Amino acid sequence: NGFRIQLYESSSSDKVNSVIKKYKKQMKDSLYVIFEAPVYKLHYGNYSKKYEAEKIMKQLRQNGFKNIWIVRSRIEYKHLYESRE
């Protein structure tokens, strides 16, 4: 388990897909759609430590993202251990 940043939520899958298309161009890390009936949630990133997610959330807020918050989530560890050459 780890942390992700929730960027958006909606009861419409079409709206979430539209937001994904918009954000994909701006975001460096992975985007995930989580469905918890009746809401689709758009999560960003894979962070094993909360302070890592807080750092990225601060940067996102400086870039104009509002109403975003950190959520606990199962994360993909393969991203955390890739070589950073």
PDB file of N, CA and C in Angstrom:
ATOM      1  N   ASN A   1       0.825  -1.185   0.000  1.00  0.00           N
ATOM      2  CA  ASN A   1       0.000   0.000   0.000  1.00  0.00           C
ATOM      3  C   ASN A   1       0.872   1.252   0.000  1.00  0.00           C
ATOM      4  N   GLY A   2       0.302   2.310  -0.526  1.00  0.00           N
ATOM      5  CA  GLY A   2       1.010   3.567  -0.599  1.00  0.00           C
ATOM      6  C   GLY A   2       0.026   4.700  -0.768  1.00  0.00           C
ATOM      7  N   PHE A   3       0.432   5.700  -1.560  1.00  0.00           N
ATOM      8  CA  PHE A   3      -0.379   6.899  -1.718  1.00  0.00           C
ATOM      9  C   PHE A   3      -0.435   7.329  -3.182  1.00  0.00           C
ATOM     10  N   ARG A   4      -1.550   7.933  -3.527  1.00  0.00           N
ATOM     11  CA  ARG A   4      -1.729   8.588  -4.821  1.00  0.00           C
ATOM     12  C   ARG A   4      -2.412   9.917  -4.565  1.00  0.00           C
ATOM     13  N   ILE A   5      -2.459  10.727  -5.596  1.00  0.00           N
ATOM     14  CA  ILE A   5      -3.128  12.021  -5.496  1.00  0.00           C
ATOM     15  C   ILE A   5      -4.413  11.943  -6.298  1.00  0.00           C
ATOM     16  N   GLN A   6      -5.521  12.258  -5.643  1.00  0.00           N
ATOM     17  CA  GLN A   6      -6.791  12.270  -6.358  1.00  0.00           C
ATOM     18  C   GLN A   6      -6.956  13.624  -7.022  1.00  0.00           C
ATOM     19  N   LEU A   7      -7.102  13.587  -8.358  1.00  0.00           N
ATOM     20  CA  LEU A   7      -7.192  14.814  -9.147  1.00  0.00           C
ATOM     21  C   LEU A   7      -8.622  15.218  -9.463  1.00  0.00           C
ATOM     22  N   TYR A   8      -9.501  14.209  -9.559  1.00  0.00           N
ATOM     23  CA  TYR A   8     -10.844  14.492 -10.083  1.00  0.00           C
ATOM     24  C   TYR A   8     -11.764  13.353  -9.707  1.00  0.00           C
ATOM     25  N   GLU A   9     -13.070  13.655  -9.601  1.00  0.00           N
ATOM     26  CA  GLU A   9     -14.069  12.603  -9.441  1.00  0.00           C
ATOM     27  C   GLU A   9     -15.370  13.046 -10.081  1.00  0.00           C
ATOM     28  N   SER A  10     -16.107  12.053 -10.601  1.00  0.00           N
ATOM     29  CA  SER A  10     -17.363  12.323 -11.272  1.00  0.00           C
ATOM     30  C   SER A  10     -18.183  11.040 -11.335  1.00  0.00           C
ATOM     31  N   SER A  11     -19.479  11.204 -11.463  1.00  0.00           N
ATOM     32  CA  SER A  11     -20.336  10.029 -11.653  1.00  0.00           C
ATOM     33  C   SER A  11     -20.425   9.662 -13.138  1.00  0.00           C
ATOM     34  N   SER A  12     -19.802  10.459 -13.990  1.00  0.00           N
ATOM     35  CA  SER A  12     -19.838  10.228 -15.438  1.00  0.00           C
ATOM     36  C   SER A  12     -18.494   9.707 -15.945  1.00  0.00           C
ATOM     37  N   SER A  13     -18.503   8.523 -16.519  1.00  0.00           N
ATOM     38  CA  SER A  13     -17.254   7.979 -17.081  1.00  0.00           C
ATOM     39  C   SER A  13     -16.795   8.818 -18.274  1.00  0.00           C
ATOM     40  N   ASP A  14     -17.723   9.405 -19.012  1.00  0.00           N
ATOM     41  CA  ASP A  14     -17.358  10.249 -20.146  1.00  0.00           C
ATOM     42  C   ASP A  14     -16.568  11.487 -19.682  1.00  0.00           C
ATOM     43  N   LYS A  15     -17.004  12.095 -18.590  1.00  0.00           N
ATOM     44  CA  LYS A  15     -16.292  13.266 -18.070  1.00  0.00           C
ATOM     45  C   LYS A  15     -14.890  12.890 -17.603  1.00  0.00           C
ATOM     46  N   VAL A  16     -14.779  11.754 -16.926  1.00  0.00           N
ATOM     47  CA  VAL A  16     -13.470  11.314 -16.451  1.00  0.00           C
ATOM     48  C   VAL A  16     -12.547  11.042 -17.632  1.00  0.00           C
ATOM     49  N   ASN A  17     -13.052  10.388 -18.669  1.00  0.00           N
ATOM     50  CA  ASN A  17     -12.235  10.113 -19.854  1.00  0.00           C
ATOM     51  C   ASN A  17     -11.798  11.401 -20.536  1.00  0.00           C
ATOM     52  N   SER A  18     -12.654  12.393 -20.560  1.00  0.00           N
ATOM     53  CA  SER A  18     -12.310  13.691 -21.138  1.00  0.00           C
ATOM     54  C   SER A  18     -11.181  14.358 -20.333  1.00  0.00           C
ATOM     55  N   VAL A  19     -11.268  14.283 -19.019  1.00  0.00           N
ATOM     56  CA  VAL A  19     -10.243  14.863 -18.150  1.00  0.00           C
ATOM     57  C   VAL A  19      -8.918  14.117 -18.329  1.00  0.00           C
ATOM     58  N   ILE A  20      -8.975  12.806 -18.470  1.00  0.00           N
ATOM     59  CA  ILE A  20      -7.754  12.018 -18.681  1.00  0.00           C
ATOM     60  C   ILE A  20      -7.037  12.490 -19.939  1.00  0.00           C
ATOM     61  N   LYS A  21      -7.764  12.666 -21.021  1.00  0.00           N
ATOM     62  CA  LYS A  21      -7.155  13.125 -22.278  1.00  0.00           C
ATOM     63  C   LYS A  21      -6.459  14.467 -22.088  1.00  0.00           C
ATOM     64  N   LYS A  22      -7.088  15.346 -21.317  1.00  0.00           N
ATOM     65  CA  LYS A  22      -6.518  16.676 -21.059  1.00  0.00           C
ATOM     66  C   LYS A  22      -5.260  16.563 -20.190  1.00  0.00           C
ATOM     67  N   TYR A  23      -5.334  15.782 -19.126  1.00  0.00           N
ATOM     68  CA  TYR A  23      -4.223  15.686 -18.175  1.00  0.00           C
ATOM     69  C   TYR A  23      -3.053  14.855 -18.691  1.00  0.00           C
ATOM     70  N   LYS A  24      -3.314  13.891 -19.561  1.00  0.00           N
ATOM     71  CA  LYS A  24      -2.242  13.018 -20.052  1.00  0.00           C
ATOM     72  C   LYS A  24      -1.108  13.816 -20.681  1.00  0.00           C
ATOM     73  N   LYS A  25      -1.453  14.909 -21.319  1.00  0.00           N
ATOM     74  CA  LYS A  25      -0.448  15.740 -21.981  1.00  0.00           C
ATOM     75  C   LYS A  25       0.413  16.490 -20.971  1.00  0.00           C
ATOM     76  N   GLN A  26      -0.146  16.776 -19.783  1.00  0.00           N
ATOM     77  CA  GLN A  26       0.546  17.581 -18.776  1.00  0.00           C
ATOM     78  C   GLN A  26       1.294  16.749 -17.744  1.00  0.00           C
ATOM     79  N   MET A  27       0.898  15.518 -17.536  1.00  0.00           N
ATOM     80  CA  MET A  27       1.390  14.728 -16.410  1.00  0.00           C
ATOM     81  C   MET A  27       2.555  13.827 -16.801  1.00  0.00           C
ATOM     82  N   LYS A  28       3.524  13.706 -15.896  1.00  0.00           N
ATOM     83  CA  LYS A  28       4.692  12.871 -16.145  1.00  0.00           C
ATOM     84  C   LYS A  28       4.497  11.445 -15.647  1.00  0.00           C
ATOM     85  N   ASP A  29       3.680  11.269 -14.613  1.00  0.00           N
ATOM     86  CA  ASP A  29       3.488   9.960 -13.997  1.00  0.00           C
ATOM     87  C   ASP A  29       2.183   9.337 -14.504  1.00  0.00           C
ATOM     88  N   SER A  30       1.846   8.179 -13.982  1.00  0.00           N
ATOM     89  CA  SER A  30       0.683   7.420 -14.426  1.00  0.00           C
ATOM     90  C   SER A  30      -0.621   7.954 -13.844  1.00  0.00           C
ATOM     91  N   LEU A  31      -1.683   7.835 -14.652  1.00  0.00           N
ATOM     92  CA  LEU A  31      -3.033   8.190 -14.237  1.00  0.00           C
ATOM     93  C   LEU A  31      -3.844   6.900 -14.104  1.00  0.00           C
ATOM     94  N   TYR A  32      -4.734   6.849 -13.115  1.00  0.00           N
ATOM     95  CA  TYR A  32      -5.543   5.661 -12.866  1.00  0.00           C
ATOM     96  C   TYR A  32      -6.988   6.065 -12.643  1.00  0.00           C
ATOM     97  N   VAL A  33      -7.915   5.300 -13.224  1.00  0.00           N
ATOM     98  CA  VAL A  33      -9.334   5.503 -12.963  1.00  0.00           C
ATOM     99  C   VAL A  33      -9.772   4.419 -11.989  1.00  0.00           C
ATOM    100  N   ILE A  34     -10.333   4.843 -10.872  1.00  0.00           N
ATOM    101  CA  ILE A  34     -10.829   3.947  -9.847  1.00  0.00           C
ATOM    102  C   ILE A  34     -12.344   4.120  -9.796  1.00  0.00           C
ATOM    103  N   PHE A  35     -13.079   3.017  -9.892  1.00  0.00           N
ATOM    104  CA  PHE A  35     -14.539   3.097  -9.821  1.00  0.00           C
ATOM    105  C   PHE A  35     -14.995   2.583  -8.465  1.00  0.00           C
ATOM    106  N   GLU A  36     -15.598   3.465  -7.692  1.00  0.00           N
ATOM    107  CA  GLU A  36     -16.239   3.112  -6.433  1.00  0.00           C
ATOM    108  C   GLU A  36     -17.664   3.616  -6.551  1.00  0.00           C
ATOM    109  N   ALA A  37     -18.566   2.700  -6.888  1.00  0.00           N
ATOM    110  CA  ALA A  37     -19.951   3.044  -7.226  1.00  0.00           C
ATOM    111  C   ALA A  37     -20.518   4.088  -6.273  1.00  0.00           C
ATOM    112  N   PRO A  38     -21.095   5.120  -6.798  1.00  0.00           N
ATOM    113  CA  PRO A  38     -21.334   5.445  -8.209  1.00  0.00           C
ATOM    114  C   PRO A  38     -20.323   6.435  -8.784  1.00  0.00           C
ATOM    115  N   VAL A  39     -19.127   6.520  -8.205  1.00  0.00           N
ATOM    116  CA  VAL A  39     -18.185   7.579  -8.574  1.00  0.00           C
ATOM    117  C   VAL A  39     -16.924   7.016  -9.232  1.00  0.00           C
ATOM    118  N   TYR A  40     -16.512   7.693 -10.306  1.00  0.00           N
ATOM    119  CA  TYR A  40     -15.221   7.424 -10.951  1.00  0.00           C
ATOM    120  C   TYR A  40     -14.219   8.427 -10.394  1.00  0.00           C
ATOM    121  N   LYS A  41     -13.056   7.921  -9.965  1.00  0.00           N
ATOM    122  CA  LYS A  41     -12.042   8.786  -9.382  1.00  0.00           C
ATOM    123  C   LYS A  41     -10.772   8.701 -10.225  1.00  0.00           C
ATOM    124  N   LEU A  42     -10.156   9.840 -10.458  1.00  0.00           N
ATOM    125  CA  LEU A  42      -8.922   9.892 -11.215  1.00  0.00           C
ATOM    126  C   LEU A  42      -7.763  10.103 -10.256  1.00  0.00           C
ATOM    127  N   HIS A  43      -6.874   9.097 -10.171  1.00  0.00           N
ATOM    128  CA  HIS A  43      -5.723   9.150  -9.274  1.00  0.00           C
ATOM    129  C   HIS A  43      -4.445   9.300 -10.085  1.00  0.00           C
ATOM    130  N   TYR A  44      -3.437   9.866  -9.441  1.00  0.00           N
ATOM    131  CA  TYR A  44      -2.164  10.158 -10.098  1.00  0.00           C
ATOM    132  C   TYR A  44      -1.005   9.662  -9.251  1.00  0.00           C
ATOM    133  N   GLY A  45      -0.057   8.984  -9.893  1.00  0.00           N
ATOM    134  CA  GLY A  45       1.204   8.634  -9.271  1.00  0.00           C
ATOM    135  C   GLY A  45       1.210   7.372  -8.433  1.00  0.00           C
ATOM    136  N   ASN A  46       2.402   7.020  -7.958  1.00  0.00           N
ATOM    137  CA  ASN A  46       2.662   5.878  -7.082  1.00  0.00           C
ATOM    138  C   ASN A  46       3.712   6.316  -6.062  1.00  0.00           C
ATOM    139  N   TYR A  47       3.293   6.541  -4.832  1.00  0.00           N
ATOM    140  CA  TYR A  47       4.200   7.046  -3.808  1.00  0.00           C
ATOM    141  C   TYR A  47       4.167   6.125  -2.596  1.00  0.00           C
ATOM    142  N   SER A  48       5.328   5.634  -2.196  1.00  0.00           N
ATOM    143  CA  SER A  48       5.371   4.736  -1.051  1.00  0.00           C
ATOM    144  C   SER A  48       5.316   5.503   0.263  1.00  0.00           C
ATOM    145  N   LYS A  49       5.741   6.753   0.256  1.00  0.00           N
ATOM    146  CA  LYS A  49       5.741   7.589   1.463  1.00  0.00           C
ATOM    147  C   LYS A  49       4.827   8.791   1.253  1.00  0.00           C
ATOM    148  N   LYS A  50       4.113   9.157   2.301  1.00  0.00           N
ATOM    149  CA  LYS A  50       3.162  10.271   2.196  1.00  0.00           C
ATOM    150  C   LYS A  50       3.867  11.578   1.858  1.00  0.00           C
ATOM    151  N   TYR A  51       5.057  11.791   2.411  1.00  0.00           N
ATOM    152  CA  TYR A  51       5.765  13.047   2.135  1.00  0.00           C
ATOM    153  C   TYR A  51       6.106  13.189   0.653  1.00  0.00           C
ATOM    154  N   GLU A  52       6.314  12.055  -0.043  1.00  0.00           N
ATOM    155  CA  GLU A  52       6.572  12.115  -1.491  1.00  0.00           C
ATOM    156  C   GLU A  52       5.336  12.639  -2.222  1.00  0.00           C
ATOM    157  N   ALA A  53       4.173  12.113  -1.844  1.00  0.00           N
ATOM    158  CA  ALA A  53       2.920  12.561  -2.452  1.00  0.00           C
ATOM    159  C   ALA A  53       2.648  14.025  -2.117  1.00  0.00           C
ATOM    160  N   GLU A  54       2.964  14.438  -0.888  1.00  0.00           N
ATOM    161  CA  GLU A  54       2.752  15.830  -0.487  1.00  0.00           C
ATOM    162  C   GLU A  54       3.605  16.782  -1.317  1.00  0.00           C
ATOM    163  N   LYS A  55       4.822  16.381  -1.603  1.00  0.00           N
ATOM    164  CA  LYS A  55       5.721  17.214  -2.417  1.00  0.00           C
ATOM    165  C   LYS A  55       5.146  17.411  -3.821  1.00  0.00           C
ATOM    166  N   ILE A  56       4.699  16.328  -4.436  1.00  0.00           N
ATOM    167  CA  ILE A  56       4.126  16.409  -5.787  1.00  0.00           C
ATOM    168  C   ILE A  56       2.810  17.179  -5.767  1.00  0.00           C
ATOM    169  N   MET A  57       1.988  16.966  -4.744  1.00  0.00           N
ATOM    170  CA  MET A  57       0.722  17.684  -4.645  1.00  0.00           C
ATOM    171  C   MET A  57       0.975  19.190  -4.562  1.00  0.00           C
ATOM    172  N   LYS A  58       1.987  19.590  -3.828  1.00  0.00           N
ATOM    173  CA  LYS A  58       2.332  21.014  -3.726  1.00  0.00           C
ATOM    174  C   LYS A  58       2.705  21.567  -5.105  1.00  0.00           C
ATOM    175  N   GLN A  59       3.500  20.816  -5.862  1.00  0.00           N
ATOM    176  CA  GLN A  59       3.880  21.246  -7.208  1.00  0.00           C
ATOM    177  C   GLN A  59       2.662  21.352  -8.116  1.00  0.00           C
ATOM    178  N   LEU A  60       1.757  20.379  -8.020  1.00  0.00           N
ATOM    179  CA  LEU A  60       0.546  20.402  -8.844  1.00  0.00           C
ATOM    180  C   LEU A  60      -0.313  21.621  -8.504  1.00  0.00           C
ATOM    181  N   ARG A  61      -0.430  21.924  -7.231  1.00  0.00           N
ATOM    182  CA  ARG A  61      -1.216  23.105  -6.825  1.00  0.00           C
ATOM    183  C   ARG A  61      -0.590  24.382  -7.363  1.00  0.00           C
ATOM    184  N   GLN A  62       0.735  24.453  -7.381  1.00  0.00           N
ATOM    185  CA  GLN A  62       1.418  25.625  -7.931  1.00  0.00           C
ATOM    186  C   GLN A  62       1.180  25.744  -9.436  1.00  0.00           C
ATOM    187  N   ASN A  63       0.880  24.608 -10.070  1.00  0.00           N
ATOM    188  CA  ASN A  63       0.607  24.602 -11.509  1.00  0.00           C
ATOM    189  C   ASN A  63      -0.884  24.724 -11.818  1.00  0.00           C
ATOM    190  N   GLY A  64      -1.693  25.067 -10.816  1.00  0.00           N
ATOM    191  CA  GLY A  64      -3.093  25.371 -11.073  1.00  0.00           C
ATOM    192  C   GLY A  64      -4.099  24.288 -10.735  1.00  0.00           C
ATOM    193  N   PHE A  65      -3.651  23.155 -10.235  1.00  0.00           N
ATOM    194  CA  PHE A  65      -4.598  22.109  -9.857  1.00  0.00           C
ATOM    195  C   PHE A  65      -5.212  22.476  -8.506  1.00  0.00           C
ATOM    196  N   LYS A  66      -6.537  22.471  -8.447  1.00  0.00           N
ATOM    197  CA  LYS A  66      -7.240  22.799  -7.212  1.00  0.00           C
ATOM    198  C   LYS A  66      -8.071  21.597  -6.792  1.00  0.00           C
ATOM    199  N   ASN A  67      -8.465  21.580  -5.564  1.00  0.00           N
ATOM    200  CA  ASN A  67      -9.304  20.500  -5.032  1.00  0.00           C
ATOM    201  C   ASN A  67      -8.700  19.126  -5.279  1.00  0.00           C
ATOM    202  N   ILE A  68      -7.430  18.997  -4.984  1.00  0.00           N
ATOM    203  CA  ILE A  68      -6.750  17.704  -5.076  1.00  0.00           C
ATOM    204  C   ILE A  68      -6.329  17.294  -3.671  1.00  0.00           C
ATOM    205  N   TRP A  69      -6.231  15.987  -3.442  1.00  0.00           N
ATOM    206  CA  TRP A  69      -5.849  15.503  -2.126  1.00  0.00           C
ATOM    207  C   TRP A  69      -5.196  14.144  -2.234  1.00  0.00           C
ATOM    208  N   ILE A  70      -4.537  13.751  -1.163  1.00  0.00           N
ATOM    209  CA  ILE A  70      -3.817  12.481  -1.101  1.00  0.00           C
ATOM    210  C   ILE A  70      -4.758  11.395  -0.606  1.00  0.00           C
ATOM    211  N   VAL A  71      -4.677  10.228  -1.254  1.00  0.00           N
ATOM    212  CA  VAL A  71      -5.482   9.080  -0.846  1.00  0.00           C
ATOM    213  C   VAL A  71      -4.576   7.862  -0.676  1.00  0.00           C
ATOM    214  N   ARG A  72      -4.961   7.002   0.228  1.00  0.00           N
ATOM    215  CA  ARG A  72      -4.265   5.716   0.358  1.00  0.00           C
ATOM    216  C   ARG A  72      -4.709   4.832  -0.793  1.00  0.00           C
ATOM    217  N   SER A  73      -3.755   4.072  -1.339  1.00  0.00           N
ATOM    218  CA  SER A  73      -4.074   3.247  -2.493  1.00  0.00           C
ATOM    219  C   SER A  73      -3.046   2.133  -2.628  1.00  0.00           C
ATOM    220  N   ARG A  74      -3.435   1.081  -3.298  1.00  0.00           N
ATOM    221  CA  ARG A  74      -2.454   0.090  -3.722  1.00  0.00           C
ATOM    222  C   ARG A  74      -1.664   0.738  -4.846  1.00  0.00           C
ATOM    223  N   ILE A  75      -0.371   0.622  -4.772  1.00  0.00           N
ATOM    224  CA  ILE A  75       0.454   1.268  -5.789  1.00  0.00           C
ATOM    225  C   ILE A  75       1.274   0.235  -6.534  1.00  0.00           C
ATOM    226  N   GLU A  76       1.802   0.652  -7.670  1.00  0.00           N
ATOM    227  CA  GLU A  76       2.645  -0.193  -8.496  1.00  0.00           C
ATOM    228  C   GLU A  76       4.095   0.071  -8.125  1.00  0.00           C
ATOM    229  N   TYR A  77       4.722  -0.898  -7.498  1.00  0.00           N
ATOM    230  CA  TYR A  77       6.098  -0.715  -7.054  1.00  0.00           C
ATOM    231  C   TYR A  77       7.109  -0.736  -8.180  1.00  0.00           C
ATOM    232  N   LYS A  78       6.759  -1.287  -9.325  1.00  0.00           N
ATOM    233  CA  LYS A  78       7.735  -1.329 -10.414  1.00  0.00           C
ATOM    234  C   LYS A  78       8.209   0.072 -10.788  1.00  0.00           C
ATOM    235  N   HIS A  79       7.329   1.061 -10.654  1.00  0.00           N
ATOM    236  CA  HIS A  79       7.713   2.437 -10.963  1.00  0.00           C
ATOM    237  C   HIS A  79       8.710   2.978  -9.947  1.00  0.00           C
ATOM    238  N   LEU A  80       8.633   2.472  -8.727  1.00  0.00           N
ATOM    239  CA  LEU A  80       9.476   3.007  -7.668  1.00  0.00           C
ATOM    240  C   LEU A  80      10.908   2.533  -7.757  1.00  0.00           C
ATOM    241  N   TYR A  81      11.133   1.405  -8.442  1.00  0.00           N
ATOM    242  CA  TYR A  81      12.466   0.826  -8.463  1.00  0.00           C
ATOM    243  C   TYR A  81      13.124   0.857  -9.828  1.00  0.00           C
ATOM    244  N   GLU A  82      12.543   1.572 -10.772  1.00  0.00           N
ATOM    245  CA  GLU A  82      13.152   1.673 -12.095  1.00  0.00           C
ATOM    246  C   GLU A  82      14.432   2.492 -12.018  1.00  0.00           C
ATOM    247  N   SER A  83      15.339   2.210 -12.896  1.00  0.00           N
ATOM    248  CA  SER A  83      16.584   2.956 -12.952  1.00  0.00           C
ATOM    249  C   SER A  83      16.324   4.401 -13.317  1.00  0.00           C
ATOM    250  N   ARG A  84      17.009   5.311 -12.665  1.00  0.00           N
ATOM    251  CA  ARG A  84      16.841   6.745 -12.941  1.00  0.00           C
ATOM    252  C   ARG A  84      18.104   7.305 -13.532  1.00  0.00           C
ATOM    253  N   GLU A  85      18.443   6.853 -14.724  1.00  0.00           N
ATOM    254  CA  GLU A  85      19.679   7.265 -15.390  1.00  0.00           C
ATOM    255  C   GLU A  85      19.542   8.633 -16.001  1.00  0.00           C
TER     256      GLU A  85
END
